[in-house]
Each structure stands twice: as structure tokens, then as C-alpha cells.
C-alpha atoms as a PDB file:
ATOM      1  CA  MET A   1     -30.550   1.457 -62.500  1.00  0.00           C
ATOM      2  CA  LYS A   2     -28.940   0.021 -59.384  1.00  0.00           C
ATOM      3  CA  LEU A   3     -30.900  -2.447 -57.331  1.00  0.00           C
ATOM      4  CA  LYS A   4     -30.921  -1.591 -53.639  1.00  0.00           C
ATOM      5  CA  THR A   5     -31.422  -4.536 -51.341  1.00  0.00           C
ATOM      6  CA  PRO A   6     -33.061  -4.091 -47.968  1.00  0.00           C
ATOM      7  CA  GLY A   7     -30.633  -4.042 -45.098  1.00  0.00           C
ATOM      8  CA  SER A   8     -27.644  -2.865 -47.129  1.00  0.00           C
ATOM      9  CA  ALA A   9     -25.943   0.103 -45.562  1.00  0.00           C
ATOM     10  CA  ASP A  10     -23.626   2.598 -47.179  1.00  0.00           C
ATOM     11  CA  ARG A  11     -21.418   2.623 -44.079  1.00  0.00           C
ATOM     12  CA  PHE A  12     -19.981  -0.786 -45.004  1.00  0.00           C
ATOM     13  CA  ARG A  13     -18.844   0.257 -48.472  1.00  0.00           C
ATOM     14  CA  SER A  14     -15.511   1.714 -47.327  1.00  0.00           C
ATOM     15  CA  PRO A  15     -13.742   0.362 -44.229  1.00  0.00           C
ATOM     16  CA  THR A  16     -12.154   2.704 -41.713  1.00  0.00           C
ATOM     17  CA  THR A  17      -8.834   2.147 -39.997  1.00  0.00           C
ATOM     18  CA  LEU A  18      -8.880   2.777 -36.275  1.00  0.00           C
ATOM     19  CA  LYS A  19      -5.933   4.343 -34.507  1.00  0.00           C
ATOM     20  CA  GLY A  20      -4.275   2.495 -31.612  1.00  0.00           C
ATOM     21  CA  ASN A  21      -5.745   4.735 -28.910  1.00  0.00           C
ATOM     22  CA  ALA A  22      -9.328   4.585 -30.241  1.00  0.00           C
ATOM     23  CA  PRO A  23     -11.789   3.040 -27.770  1.00  0.00           C
ATOM     24  CA  PHE A  24     -13.390  -0.209 -28.911  1.00  0.00           C
ATOM     25  CA  LEU A  25     -15.598  -2.460 -26.755  1.00  0.00           C
ATOM     26  CA  GLY A  26     -14.243  -1.240 -23.441  1.00  0.00           C
ATOM     27  CA  ALA A  27     -10.543  -1.251 -24.390  1.00  0.00           C
ATOM     28  CA  THR A  28      -8.314   0.529 -26.857  1.00  0.00           C
ATOM     29  CA  VAL A  29      -7.610  -0.885 -30.298  1.00  0.00           C
ATOM     30  CA  LYS A  30      -3.949  -1.405 -29.330  1.00  0.00           C
ATOM     31  CA  GLN A  31      -4.984  -3.465 -26.277  1.00  0.00           C
ATOM     32  CA  TRP A  32      -7.238  -5.638 -28.452  1.00  0.00           C
ATOM     33  CA  ASP A  33      -4.455  -6.064 -30.995  1.00  0.00           C
ATOM     34  CA  LEU A  34      -2.016  -7.224 -28.317  1.00  0.00           C
ATOM     35  CA  ALA A  35      -4.619  -9.557 -26.788  1.00  0.00           C
ATOM     36  CA  ILE A  36      -5.504 -11.225 -30.107  1.00  0.00           C
ATOM     37  CA  VAL A  37      -2.264 -11.147 -32.056  1.00  0.00           C
ATOM     38  CA  GLY A  38       0.246 -10.756 -29.264  1.00  0.00           C
ATOM     39  CA  ASN A  39       3.798 -10.110 -30.311  1.00  0.00           C
ATOM     40  CA  MET A  40       3.499 -12.091 -33.535  1.00  0.00           C
ATOM     41  CA  GLU A  41       6.087 -10.056 -35.463  1.00  0.00           C
ATOM     42  CA  HIS A  42       8.749 -10.816 -32.842  1.00  0.00           C
ATOM     43  CA  THR A  43       7.741 -14.484 -32.700  1.00  0.00           C
ATOM     44  CA  LEU A  44       7.913 -14.864 -36.484  1.00  0.00           C
ATOM     45  CA  ALA A  45      11.361 -13.265 -36.509  1.00  0.00           C
ATOM     46  CA  GLN A  46      12.532 -15.788 -33.882  1.00  0.00           C
ATOM     47  CA  ILE A  47      11.136 -18.714 -35.881  1.00  0.00           C
ATOM     48  CA  LYS A  48      12.852 -17.489 -39.041  1.00  0.00           C
ATOM     49  CA  ARG A  49      16.171 -17.053 -37.215  1.00  0.00           C
ATOM     50  CA  ARG A  50      15.962 -20.544 -35.694  1.00  0.00           C
ATOM     51  CA  ALA A  51      15.073 -22.080 -39.057  1.00  0.00           C
ATOM     52  CA  GLU A  52      18.167 -20.510 -40.621  1.00  0.00           C
ATOM     53  CA  LEU A  53      20.383 -21.843 -37.811  1.00  0.00           C
ATOM     54  CA  THR A  54      19.148 -25.442 -37.911  1.00  0.00           C
ATOM     55  CA  PRO A  55      21.189 -27.983 -39.855  1.00  0.00           C
ATOM     56  CA  LYS A  56      19.908 -28.609 -43.349  1.00  0.00           C
ATOM     57  CA  ARG A  57      18.381 -32.010 -44.062  1.00  0.00           C
ATOM     58  CA  ASP A  58      20.369 -34.293 -46.342  1.00  0.00           C
ATOM     59  CA  VAL A  59      17.955 -36.360 -48.394  1.00  0.00           C
ATOM     60  CA  ASN A  60      20.526 -39.067 -49.113  1.00  0.00           C
ATOM     61  CA  LYS A  61      21.022 -39.728 -45.395  1.00  0.00           C
ATOM     62  CA  ALA A  62      17.322 -39.645 -44.458  1.00  0.00           C
ATOM     63  CA  ILE A  63      16.323 -42.671 -42.403  1.00  0.00           C
ATOM     64  CA  ASN A  64      12.581 -42.140 -42.465  1.00  0.00           C
ATOM     65  CA  PHE A  65      10.720 -42.344 -45.759  1.00  0.00           C
ATOM     66  CA  ASP A  66       8.347 -39.513 -46.435  1.00  0.00           C
ATOM     67  CA  VAL A  67       6.895 -37.768 -49.449  1.00  0.00           C
ATOM     68  CA  ALA A  68       9.396 -34.909 -49.320  1.00  0.00           C
ATOM     69  CA  SER A  69      12.348 -37.311 -49.338  1.00  0.00           C
ATOM     70  CA  TYR A  70      10.909 -39.284 -52.228  1.00  0.00           C
ATOM     71  CA  ALA A  71      10.187 -36.162 -54.283  1.00  0.00           C
ATOM     72  CA  SER A  72      13.644 -34.733 -53.599  1.00  0.00           C
ATOM     73  CA  ARG A  73      15.345 -37.963 -54.643  1.00  0.00           C
ATOM     74  CA  ARG A  74      13.298 -38.177 -57.828  1.00  0.00           C
ATOM     75  CA  LEU A  75      14.106 -34.575 -58.725  1.00  0.00           C
ATOM     76  CA  ALA A  76      17.805 -35.110 -57.970  1.00  0.00           C
ATOM     77  CA  ASP A  77      17.861 -38.197 -60.237  1.00  0.00           C
ATOM     78  CA  GLN A  78      16.285 -36.285 -63.144  1.00  0.00           C
ATOM     79  CA  LYS A  79      18.997 -33.614 -63.284  1.00  0.00           C
END
């Protein structure tokens, strides 16, 4: 026997995916997506490209002491 709680609705058991041109709160789903997320895919691609182009950090020449430098030096010494 399954216990049914008051206020539970069957409509929430399986989510529905809305298409881009579906109206939602006075705008289309695509307009809401652009307003909330923006062009995140393009931005993430730019960040990845810039990260690949930046010079790599040499732990042995690091001036500032931080946890990453310390951990890298310790791991390098253990090999």
C-alpha cells in the first residue's frame, strides 16, 4: 500500500522539457534562457582558450608562497 500525502501532485513526477518557442511568463523559453544564462557556452570556450594560451606556472620560480606551490614542491620531491 502506497501512502499518499496531501498536496502531492502526479504532475510533478515526470518533468517536461519546453521547446525554445514555448511561451513562459510573458516571454519565450529561449528569451528566458538568454536572459538568465546568456551566451555561457561561448564564454566558457573563450576562458578555456585563454587558459591554454597563458604561460604555465613554474613552481620552482614562484615568488609567493601558497598552498598549491607547497603541495607541488612536496610532490616533486617525493618522485
